[in-house]
């Protein structure tokens, strides 16, 4: 079911927005609908990422609680990250 969105702007803003929309071959309503759909899609992406991140954090805590976690020293983590970065840099140069 479609829903209606209403908002108020001053006459000059409306006039200029209509001119711009018409110059692009669409109505102001079409432009507002497109913006609304783009905002909704951005929010869907945020929600999807948030859900993925929550799952990752929950999985990490589950591993910790089950004694299956492996802790790495700061120095080992730094060296591992440096090696990974170097590998990416080498790939990009080829």
PDB file of N, CA and C in Angstrom:
ATOM      1  N   UNK A   1       0.830  -1.170   0.000  1.00  0.00           N
ATOM      2  CA  UNK A   1       0.000   0.000   0.000  1.00  0.00           C
ATOM      3  C   UNK A   1       0.884   1.245   0.000  1.00  0.00           C
ATOM      4  N   UNK A   2       0.560   2.163  -0.889  1.00  0.00           N
ATOM      5  CA  UNK A   2       1.324   3.405  -0.952  1.00  0.00           C
ATOM      6  C   UNK A   2       0.888   4.346   0.158  1.00  0.00           C
ATOM      7  N   UNK A   3       1.784   5.196   0.549  1.00  0.00           N
ATOM      8  CA  UNK A   3       1.515   6.154   1.604  1.00  0.00           C
ATOM      9  C   UNK A   3       1.797   7.551   1.079  1.00  0.00           C
ATOM     10  N   UNK A   4       1.199   8.526   1.646  1.00  0.00           N
ATOM     11  CA  UNK A   4       1.385   9.903   1.210  1.00  0.00           C
ATOM     12  C   UNK A   4       2.273  10.623   2.221  1.00  0.00           C
ATOM     13  N   UNK A   5       3.212  11.394   1.702  1.00  0.00           N
ATOM     14  CA  UNK A   5       4.079  12.215   2.540  1.00  0.00           C
ATOM     15  C   UNK A   5       3.799  13.672   2.189  1.00  0.00           C
ATOM     16  N   UNK A   6       3.551  14.483   3.176  1.00  0.00           N
ATOM     17  CA  UNK A   6       3.332  15.903   2.940  1.00  0.00           C
ATOM     18  C   UNK A   6       4.301  16.703   3.799  1.00  0.00           C
ATOM     19  N   UNK A   7       4.799  17.795   3.223  1.00  0.00           N
ATOM     20  CA  UNK A   7       5.641  18.708   3.984  1.00  0.00           C
ATOM     21  C   UNK A   7       5.497  20.094   3.396  1.00  0.00           C
ATOM     22  N   UNK A   8       5.905  21.072   4.123  1.00  0.00           N
ATOM     23  CA  UNK A   8       5.746  22.457   3.686  1.00  0.00           C
ATOM     24  C   UNK A   8       7.108  23.090   3.401  1.00  0.00           C
ATOM     25  N   UNK A   9       7.130  23.845   2.319  1.00  0.00           N
ATOM     26  CA  UNK A   9       8.284  24.679   1.973  1.00  0.00           C
ATOM     27  C   UNK A   9       7.731  26.010   1.470  1.00  0.00           C
ATOM     28  N   UNK A  10       8.553  27.024   1.438  1.00  0.00           N
ATOM     29  CA  UNK A  10       8.075  28.308   0.944  1.00  0.00           C
ATOM     30  C   UNK A  10       7.885  28.248  -0.577  1.00  0.00           C
ATOM     31  N   UNK A  11       7.106  29.178  -1.110  1.00  0.00           N
ATOM     32  CA  UNK A  11       6.746  29.177  -2.536  1.00  0.00           C
ATOM     33  C   UNK A  11       7.971  29.235  -3.450  1.00  0.00           C
ATOM     34  N   UNK A  12       8.952  30.034  -3.075  1.00  0.00           N
ATOM     35  CA  UNK A  12      10.154  30.171  -3.919  1.00  0.00           C
ATOM     36  C   UNK A  12      10.905  28.843  -4.010  1.00  0.00           C
ATOM     37  N   UNK A  13      11.042  28.160  -2.890  1.00  0.00           N
ATOM     38  CA  UNK A  13      11.711  26.860  -2.894  1.00  0.00           C
ATOM     39  C   UNK A  13      10.962  25.874  -3.772  1.00  0.00           C
ATOM     40  N   UNK A  14       9.658  25.858  -3.652  1.00  0.00           N
ATOM     41  CA  UNK A  14       8.839  24.955  -4.471  1.00  0.00           C
ATOM     42  C   UNK A  14       8.993  25.287  -5.949  1.00  0.00           C
ATOM     43  N   UNK A  15       8.911  26.573  -6.286  1.00  0.00           N
ATOM     44  CA  UNK A  15       9.021  26.990  -7.688  1.00  0.00           C
ATOM     45  C   UNK A  15      10.361  26.580  -8.289  1.00  0.00           C
ATOM     46  N   UNK A  16      11.448  26.836  -7.561  1.00  0.00           N
ATOM     47  CA  UNK A  16      12.778  26.491  -8.058  1.00  0.00           C
ATOM     48  C   UNK A  16      12.952  24.972  -8.186  1.00  0.00           C
ATOM     49  N   UNK A  17      12.448  24.242  -7.197  1.00  0.00           N
ATOM     50  CA  UNK A  17      12.545  22.783  -7.239  1.00  0.00           C
ATOM     51  C   UNK A  17      11.758  22.223  -8.421  1.00  0.00           C
ATOM     52  N   UNK A  18      10.564  22.790  -8.684  1.00  0.00           N
ATOM     53  CA  UNK A  18       9.783  22.340  -9.831  1.00  0.00           C
ATOM     54  C   UNK A  18      10.514  22.626 -11.132  1.00  0.00           C
ATOM     55  N   UNK A  19      11.126  23.791 -11.235  1.00  0.00           N
ATOM     56  CA  UNK A  19      11.896  24.127 -12.438  1.00  0.00           C
ATOM     57  C   UNK A  19      13.011  23.115 -12.670  1.00  0.00           C
ATOM     58  N   UNK A  20      13.737  22.791 -11.611  1.00  0.00           N
ATOM     59  CA  UNK A  20      14.845  21.852 -11.751  1.00  0.00           C
ATOM     60  C   UNK A  20      14.329  20.478 -12.150  1.00  0.00           C
ATOM     61  N   UNK A  21      13.277  20.026 -11.502  1.00  0.00           N
ATOM     62  CA  UNK A  21      12.716  18.713 -11.822  1.00  0.00           C
ATOM     63  C   UNK A  21      12.245  18.678 -13.270  1.00  0.00           C
ATOM     64  N   UNK A  22      11.543  19.733 -13.710  1.00  0.00           N
ATOM     65  CA  UNK A  22      11.054  19.777 -15.084  1.00  0.00           C
ATOM     66  C   UNK A  22      12.194  19.807 -16.085  1.00  0.00           C
ATOM     67  N   UNK A  23      13.285  20.463 -15.722  1.00  0.00           N
ATOM     68  CA  UNK A  23      14.438  20.499 -16.640  1.00  0.00           C
ATOM     69  C   UNK A  23      15.061  19.113 -16.800  1.00  0.00           C
ATOM     70  N   UNK A  24      14.775  18.230 -15.854  1.00  0.00           N
ATOM     71  CA  UNK A  24      15.269  16.857 -15.909  1.00  0.00           C
ATOM     72  C   UNK A  24      14.215  15.900 -16.449  1.00  0.00           C
ATOM     73  N   UNK A  25      13.085  16.456 -16.904  1.00  0.00           N
ATOM     74  CA  UNK A  25      12.038  15.645 -17.502  1.00  0.00           C
ATOM     75  C   UNK A  25      11.219  14.856 -16.495  1.00  0.00           C
ATOM     76  N   UNK A  26      11.082  15.373 -15.297  1.00  0.00           N
ATOM     77  CA  UNK A  26      10.287  14.681 -14.293  1.00  0.00           C
ATOM     78  C   UNK A  26       9.528  15.692 -13.450  1.00  0.00           C
ATOM     79  N   UNK A  27       8.605  15.202 -12.667  1.00  0.00           N
ATOM     80  CA  UNK A  27       7.828  16.079 -11.800  1.00  0.00           C
ATOM     81  C   UNK A  27       8.531  16.220 -10.457  1.00  0.00           C
ATOM     82  N   UNK A  28       8.118  17.223  -9.719  1.00  0.00           N
ATOM     83  CA  UNK A  28       8.662  17.399  -8.375  1.00  0.00           C
ATOM     84  C   UNK A  28       8.288  16.210  -7.505  1.00  0.00           C
ATOM     85  N   UNK A  29       7.099  15.690  -7.700  1.00  0.00           N
ATOM     86  CA  UNK A  29       6.669  14.507  -6.959  1.00  0.00           C
ATOM     87  C   UNK A  29       7.594  13.319  -7.264  1.00  0.00           C
ATOM     88  N   UNK A  30       7.936  13.157  -8.545  1.00  0.00           N
ATOM     89  CA  UNK A  30       8.859  12.070  -8.916  1.00  0.00           C
ATOM     90  C   UNK A  30      10.221  12.245  -8.240  1.00  0.00           C
ATOM     91  N   UNK A  31      10.709  13.488  -8.214  1.00  0.00           N
ATOM     92  CA  UNK A  31      12.009  13.757  -7.597  1.00  0.00           C
ATOM     93  C   UNK A  31      11.964  13.463  -6.096  1.00  0.00           C
ATOM     94  N   UNK A  32      10.881  13.866  -5.442  1.00  0.00           N
ATOM     95  CA  UNK A  32      10.745  13.599  -4.003  1.00  0.00           C
ATOM     96  C   UNK A  32      10.632  12.100  -3.742  1.00  0.00           C
ATOM     97  N   UNK A  33       9.904  11.403  -4.601  1.00  0.00           N
ATOM     98  CA  UNK A  33       9.770   9.952  -4.457  1.00  0.00           C
ATOM     99  C   UNK A  33      11.141   9.273  -4.607  1.00  0.00           C
ATOM    100  N   UNK A  34      11.903   9.707  -5.607  1.00  0.00           N
ATOM    101  CA  UNK A  34      13.223   9.119  -5.818  1.00  0.00           C
ATOM    102  C   UNK A  34      14.134   9.363  -4.614  1.00  0.00           C
ATOM    103  N   UNK A  35      14.127  10.571  -4.087  1.00  0.00           N
ATOM    104  CA  UNK A  35      14.940  10.872  -2.910  1.00  0.00           C
ATOM    105  C   UNK A  35      14.522   9.995  -1.734  1.00  0.00           C
ATOM    106  N   UNK A  36      13.224   9.844  -1.537  1.00  0.00           N
ATOM    107  CA  UNK A  36      12.716   9.014  -0.443  1.00  0.00           C
ATOM    108  C   UNK A  36      13.160   7.567  -0.615  1.00  0.00           C
ATOM    109  N   UNK A  37      13.080   7.060  -1.842  1.00  0.00           N
ATOM    110  CA  UNK A  37      13.500   5.686  -2.106  1.00  0.00           C
ATOM    111  C   UNK A  37      15.005   5.507  -1.888  1.00  0.00           C
ATOM    112  N   UNK A  38      15.799   6.510  -2.281  1.00  0.00           N
ATOM    113  CA  UNK A  38      17.246   6.447  -2.062  1.00  0.00           C
ATOM    114  C   UNK A  38      17.574   6.456  -0.568  1.00  0.00           C
ATOM    115  N   UNK A  39      16.879   7.298   0.185  1.00  0.00           N
ATOM    116  CA  UNK A  39      17.095   7.328   1.636  1.00  0.00           C
ATOM    117  C   UNK A  39      16.732   5.984   2.267  1.00  0.00           C
ATOM    118  N   UNK A  40      15.627   5.404   1.823  1.00  0.00           N
ATOM    119  CA  UNK A  40      15.203   4.106   2.358  1.00  0.00           C
ATOM    120  C   UNK A  40      16.243   3.042   2.028  1.00  0.00           C
ATOM    121  N   UNK A  41      16.796   3.067   0.822  1.00  0.00           N
ATOM    122  CA  UNK A  41      17.811   2.075   0.444  1.00  0.00           C
ATOM    123  C   UNK A  41      19.078   2.246   1.284  1.00  0.00           C
ATOM    124  N   UNK A  42      19.464   3.485   1.539  1.00  0.00           N
ATOM    125  CA  UNK A  42      20.620   3.728   2.404  1.00  0.00           C
ATOM    126  C   UNK A  42      20.363   3.166   3.798  1.00  0.00           C
ATOM    127  N   UNK A  43      19.157   3.354   4.306  1.00  0.00           N
ATOM    128  CA  UNK A  43      18.825   2.836   5.627  1.00  0.00           C
ATOM    129  C   UNK A  43      18.831   1.311   5.637  1.00  0.00           C
ATOM    130  N   UNK A  44      18.340   0.690   4.548  1.00  0.00           N
ATOM    131  CA  UNK A  44      18.386  -0.773   4.461  1.00  0.00           C
ATOM    132  C   UNK A  44      19.831  -1.273   4.548  1.00  0.00           C
ATOM    133  N   UNK A  45      20.734  -0.582   3.866  1.00  0.00           N
ATOM    134  CA  UNK A  45      22.147  -0.973   3.901  1.00  0.00           C
ATOM    135  C   UNK A  45      22.721  -0.829   5.304  1.00  0.00           C
ATOM    136  N   UNK A  46      22.371   0.261   5.982  1.00  0.00           N
ATOM    137  CA  UNK A  46      22.836   0.473   7.356  1.00  0.00           C
ATOM    138  C   UNK A  46      22.319  -0.646   8.253  1.00  0.00           C
ATOM    139  N   UNK A  47      21.034  -0.976   8.118  1.00  0.00           N
ATOM    140  CA  UNK A  47      20.443  -2.018   8.953  1.00  0.00           C
ATOM    141  C   UNK A  47      21.070  -3.381   8.665  1.00  0.00           C
ATOM    142  N   UNK A  48      21.322  -3.661   7.392  1.00  0.00           N
ATOM    143  CA  UNK A  48      21.957  -4.926   7.023  1.00  0.00           C
ATOM    144  C   UNK A  48      23.342  -5.023   7.641  1.00  0.00           C
ATOM    145  N   UNK A  49      24.097  -3.925   7.558  1.00  0.00           N
ATOM    146  CA  UNK A  49      25.443  -3.923   8.136  1.00  0.00           C
ATOM    147  C   UNK A  49      25.381  -4.059   9.648  1.00  0.00           C
ATOM    148  N   UNK A  50      24.454  -3.346  10.270  1.00  0.00           N
ATOM    149  CA  UNK A  50      24.312  -3.441  11.724  1.00  0.00           C
ATOM    150  C   UNK A  50      23.981  -4.866  12.153  1.00  0.00           C
ATOM    151  N   UNK A  51      23.093  -5.522  11.410  1.00  0.00           N
ATOM    152  CA  UNK A  51      22.745  -6.914  11.722  1.00  0.00           C
ATOM    153  C   UNK A  51      23.956  -7.824  11.573  1.00  0.00           C
ATOM    154  N   UNK A  52      24.716  -7.629  10.488  1.00  0.00           N
ATOM    155  CA  UNK A  52      25.922  -8.441  10.262  1.00  0.00           C
ATOM    156  C   UNK A  52      26.912  -8.218  11.414  1.00  0.00           C
ATOM    157  N   UNK A  53      27.114  -6.958  11.783  1.00  0.00           N
ATOM    158  CA  UNK A  53      28.068  -6.645  12.846  1.00  0.00           C
ATOM    159  C   UNK A  53      27.625  -7.261  14.170  1.00  0.00           C
ATOM    160  N   UNK A  54      26.341  -7.183  14.469  1.00  0.00           N
ATOM    161  CA  UNK A  54      25.816  -7.795  15.691  1.00  0.00           C
ATOM    162  C   UNK A  54      26.080  -9.292  15.698  1.00  0.00           C
ATOM    163  N   UNK A  55      25.859  -9.946  14.559  1.00  0.00           N
ATOM    164  CA  UNK A  55      26.123 -11.384  14.456  1.00  0.00           C
ATOM    165  C   UNK A  55      27.600 -11.694  14.707  1.00  0.00           C
ATOM    166  N   UNK A  56      28.487 -10.859  14.161  1.00  0.00           N
ATOM    167  CA  UNK A  56      29.925 -11.072  14.336  1.00  0.00           C
ATOM    168  C   UNK A  56      30.326 -10.918  15.800  1.00  0.00           C
ATOM    169  N   UNK A  57      29.804  -9.883  16.443  1.00  0.00           N
ATOM    170  CA  UNK A  57      30.120  -9.648  17.855  1.00  0.00           C
ATOM    171  C   UNK A  57      29.567 -10.783  18.714  1.00  0.00           C
ATOM    172  N   UNK A  58      28.321 -11.194  18.443  1.00  0.00           N
ATOM    173  CA  UNK A  58      27.727 -12.305  19.193  1.00  0.00           C
ATOM    174  C   UNK A  58      28.542 -13.585  19.020  1.00  0.00           C
ATOM    175  N   UNK A  59      29.001 -13.841  17.792  1.00  0.00           N
ATOM    176  CA  UNK A  59      29.807 -15.040  17.529  1.00  0.00           C
ATOM    177  C   UNK A  59      31.129 -14.973  18.290  1.00  0.00           C
ATOM    178  N   UNK A  60      31.729 -13.783  18.340  1.00  0.00           N
ATOM    179  CA  UNK A  60      32.994 -13.622  19.062  1.00  0.00           C
ATOM    180  C   UNK A  60      32.802 -13.868  20.560  1.00  0.00           C
ATOM    181  N   UNK A  61      31.732 -13.322  21.120  1.00  0.00           N
ATOM    182  CA  UNK A  61      31.474 -13.550  22.546  1.00  0.00           C
ATOM    183  C   UNK A  61      31.154 -15.016  22.822  1.00  0.00           C
ATOM    184  N   UNK A  62      30.462 -15.644  21.902  1.00  0.00           N
ATOM    185  CA  UNK A  62      30.154 -17.067  22.063  1.00  0.00           C
ATOM    186  C   UNK A  62      31.437 -17.888  22.087  1.00  0.00           C
ATOM    187  N   UNK A  63      32.361 -17.558  21.173  1.00  0.00           N
ATOM    188  CA  UNK A  63      33.659 -18.241  21.165  1.00  0.00           C
ATOM    189  C   UNK A  63      34.395 -18.029  22.479  1.00  0.00           C
ATOM    190  N   UNK A  64      34.344 -16.803  22.976  1.00  0.00           N
ATOM    191  CA  UNK A  64      35.016 -16.481  24.233  1.00  0.00           C
ATOM    192  C   UNK A  64      34.417 -17.289  25.379  1.00  0.00           C
ATOM    193  N   UNK A  65      33.093 -17.331  25.437  1.00  0.00           N
ATOM    194  CA  UNK A  65      32.418 -18.052  26.509  1.00  0.00           C
ATOM    195  C   UNK A  65      32.670 -19.559  26.438  1.00  0.00           C
ATOM    196  N   UNK A  66      32.876 -20.081  25.233  1.00  0.00           N
ATOM    197  CA  UNK A  66      33.115 -21.514  25.054  1.00  0.00           C
ATOM    198  C   UNK A  66      34.597 -21.879  25.150  1.00  0.00           C
ATOM    199  N   UNK A  67      35.432 -20.889  25.429  1.00  0.00           N
ATOM    200  CA  UNK A  67      36.861 -21.153  25.567  1.00  0.00           C
ATOM    201  C   UNK A  67      37.574 -21.431  24.253  1.00  0.00           C
ATOM    202  N   UNK A  68      36.979 -21.022  23.141  1.00  0.00           N
ATOM    203  CA  UNK A  68      37.565 -21.283  21.826  1.00  0.00           C
ATOM    204  C   UNK A  68      38.254 -20.054  21.228  1.00  0.00           C
ATOM    205  N   UNK A  69      38.423 -19.029  22.036  1.00  0.00           N
ATOM    206  CA  UNK A  69      39.078 -17.814  21.554  1.00  0.00           C
ATOM    207  C   UNK A  69      40.586 -17.965  21.600  1.00  0.00           C
ATOM    208  N   UNK A  70      41.232 -17.292  20.681  1.00  0.00           N
ATOM    209  CA  UNK A  70      42.698 -17.280  20.665  1.00  0.00           C
ATOM    210  C   UNK A  70      43.132 -15.830  20.760  1.00  0.00           C
ATOM    211  N   UNK A  71      43.868 -15.508  21.794  1.00  0.00           N
ATOM    212  CA  UNK A  71      44.328 -14.145  21.985  1.00  0.00           C
ATOM    213  C   UNK A  71      45.704 -13.975  21.367  1.00  0.00           C
ATOM    214  N   UNK A  72      45.906 -12.813  20.761  1.00  0.00           N
ATOM    215  CA  UNK A  72      47.145 -12.503  20.059  1.00  0.00           C
ATOM    216  C   UNK A  72      47.742 -11.257  20.703  1.00  0.00           C
ATOM    217  N   UNK A  73      49.036 -11.264  20.877  1.00  0.00           N
ATOM    218  CA  UNK A  73      49.683 -10.093  21.467  1.00  0.00           C
ATOM    219  C   UNK A  73      49.585  -8.912  20.501  1.00  0.00           C
ATOM    220  N   UNK A  74      49.722  -7.741  21.066  1.00  0.00           N
ATOM    221  CA  UNK A  74      49.672  -6.528  20.249  1.00  0.00           C
ATOM    222  C   UNK A  74      50.751  -6.568  19.167  1.00  0.00           C
ATOM    223  N   UNK A  75      51.924  -6.951  19.531  1.00  0.00           N
ATOM    224  CA  UNK A  75      53.035  -6.987  18.573  1.00  0.00           C
ATOM    225  C   UNK A  75      52.757  -7.989  17.451  1.00  0.00           C
ATOM    226  N   UNK A  76      52.246  -9.178  17.788  1.00  0.00           N
ATOM    227  CA  UNK A  76      51.919 -10.167  16.755  1.00  0.00           C
ATOM    228  C   UNK A  76      50.804  -9.651  15.835  1.00  0.00           C
ATOM    229  N   UNK A  77      49.824  -8.989  16.413  1.00  0.00           N
ATOM    230  CA  UNK A  77      48.732  -8.430  15.608  1.00  0.00           C
ATOM    231  C   UNK A  77      49.261  -7.346  14.676  1.00  0.00           C
ATOM    232  N   UNK A  78      50.150  -6.499  15.189  1.00  0.00           N
ATOM    233  CA  UNK A  78      50.734  -5.431  14.369  1.00  0.00           C
ATOM    234  C   UNK A  78      51.525  -6.014  13.208  1.00  0.00           C
ATOM    235  N   UNK A  79      52.333  -7.022  13.480  1.00  0.00           N
ATOM    236  CA  UNK A  79      53.130  -7.654  12.424  1.00  0.00           C
ATOM    237  C   UNK A  79      52.238  -8.337  11.387  1.00  0.00           C
ATOM    238  N   UNK A  80      51.185  -8.988  11.855  1.00  0.00           N
ATOM    239  CA  UNK A  80      50.254  -9.643  10.936  1.00  0.00           C
ATOM    240  C   UNK A  80      49.573  -8.612  10.030  1.00  0.00           C
ATOM    241  N   UNK A  81      49.138  -7.502  10.605  1.00  0.00           N
ATOM    242  CA  UNK A  81      48.493  -6.461   9.804  1.00  0.00           C
ATOM    243  C   UNK A  81      49.466  -5.856   8.805  1.00  0.00           C
ATOM    244  N   UNK A  82      50.694  -5.658   9.217  1.00  0.00           N
ATOM    245  CA  UNK A  82      51.697  -5.103   8.299  1.00  0.00           C
ATOM    246  C   UNK A  82      51.930  -6.052   7.132  1.00  0.00           C
ATOM    247  N   UNK A  83      51.994  -7.346   7.403  1.00  0.00           N
ATOM    248  CA  UNK A  83      52.175  -8.335   6.337  1.00  0.00           C
ATOM    249  C   UNK A  83      50.981  -8.328   5.388  1.00  0.00           C
ATOM    250  N   UNK A  84      49.785  -8.212   5.934  1.00  0.00           N
ATOM    251  CA  UNK A  84      48.581  -8.172   5.090  1.00  0.00           C
ATOM    252  C   UNK A  84      48.575  -6.931   4.203  1.00  0.00           C
ATOM    253  N   UNK A  85      48.925  -5.782   4.784  1.00  0.00           N
ATOM    254  CA  UNK A  85      48.980  -4.539   4.012  1.00  0.00           C
ATOM    255  C   UNK A  85      50.001  -4.639   2.900  1.00  0.00           C
ATOM    256  N   UNK A  86      51.154  -5.216   3.201  1.00  0.00           N
ATOM    257  CA  UNK A  86      52.209  -5.370   2.204  1.00  0.00           C
ATOM    258  C   UNK A  86      51.734  -6.257   1.054  1.00  0.00           C
ATOM    259  N   UNK A  87      51.026  -7.317   1.387  1.00  0.00           N
ATOM    260  CA  UNK A  87      50.492  -8.224   0.369  1.00  0.00           C
ATOM    261  C   UNK A  87      49.517  -7.474  -0.546  1.00  0.00           C
ATOM    262  N   UNK A  88      48.671  -6.621   0.045  1.00  0.00           N
ATOM    263  CA  UNK A  88      47.716  -5.830  -0.754  1.00  0.00           C
ATOM    264  C   UNK A  88      48.461  -4.832  -1.621  1.00  0.00           C
ATOM    265  N   UNK A  89      49.457  -4.177  -1.059  1.00  0.00           N
ATOM    266  CA  UNK A  89      50.243  -3.205  -1.843  1.00  0.00           C
ATOM    267  C   UNK A  89      50.918  -3.881  -3.019  1.00  0.00           C
ATOM    268  N   UNK A  90      51.478  -5.065  -2.799  1.00  0.00           N
ATOM    269  CA  UNK A  90      52.148  -5.793  -3.869  1.00  0.00           C
ATOM    270  C   UNK A  90      51.165  -6.185  -4.970  1.00  0.00           C
ATOM    271  N   UNK A  91      49.958  -6.560  -4.582  1.00  0.00           N
ATOM    272  CA  UNK A  91      48.924  -6.919  -5.564  1.00  0.00           C
ATOM    273  C   UNK A  91      48.534  -5.712  -6.383  1.00  0.00           C
ATOM    274  N   UNK A  92      48.434  -4.539  -5.756  1.00  0.00           N
ATOM    275  CA  UNK A  92      48.007  -3.327  -6.438  1.00  0.00           C
ATOM    276  C   UNK A  92      49.062  -2.855  -7.441  1.00  0.00           C
ATOM    277  N   UNK A  93      50.329  -3.159  -7.186  1.00  0.00           N
ATOM    278  CA  UNK A  93      51.407  -2.708  -8.060  1.00  0.00           C
ATOM    279  C   UNK A  93      51.494  -3.542  -9.332  1.00  0.00           C
ATOM    280  N   UNK A  94      50.945  -4.717  -9.317  1.00  0.00           N
ATOM    281  CA  UNK A  94      51.058  -5.603 -10.488  1.00  0.00           C
ATOM    282  C   UNK A  94      50.090  -5.259 -11.557  1.00  0.00           C
TER     283      UNK A  94
END
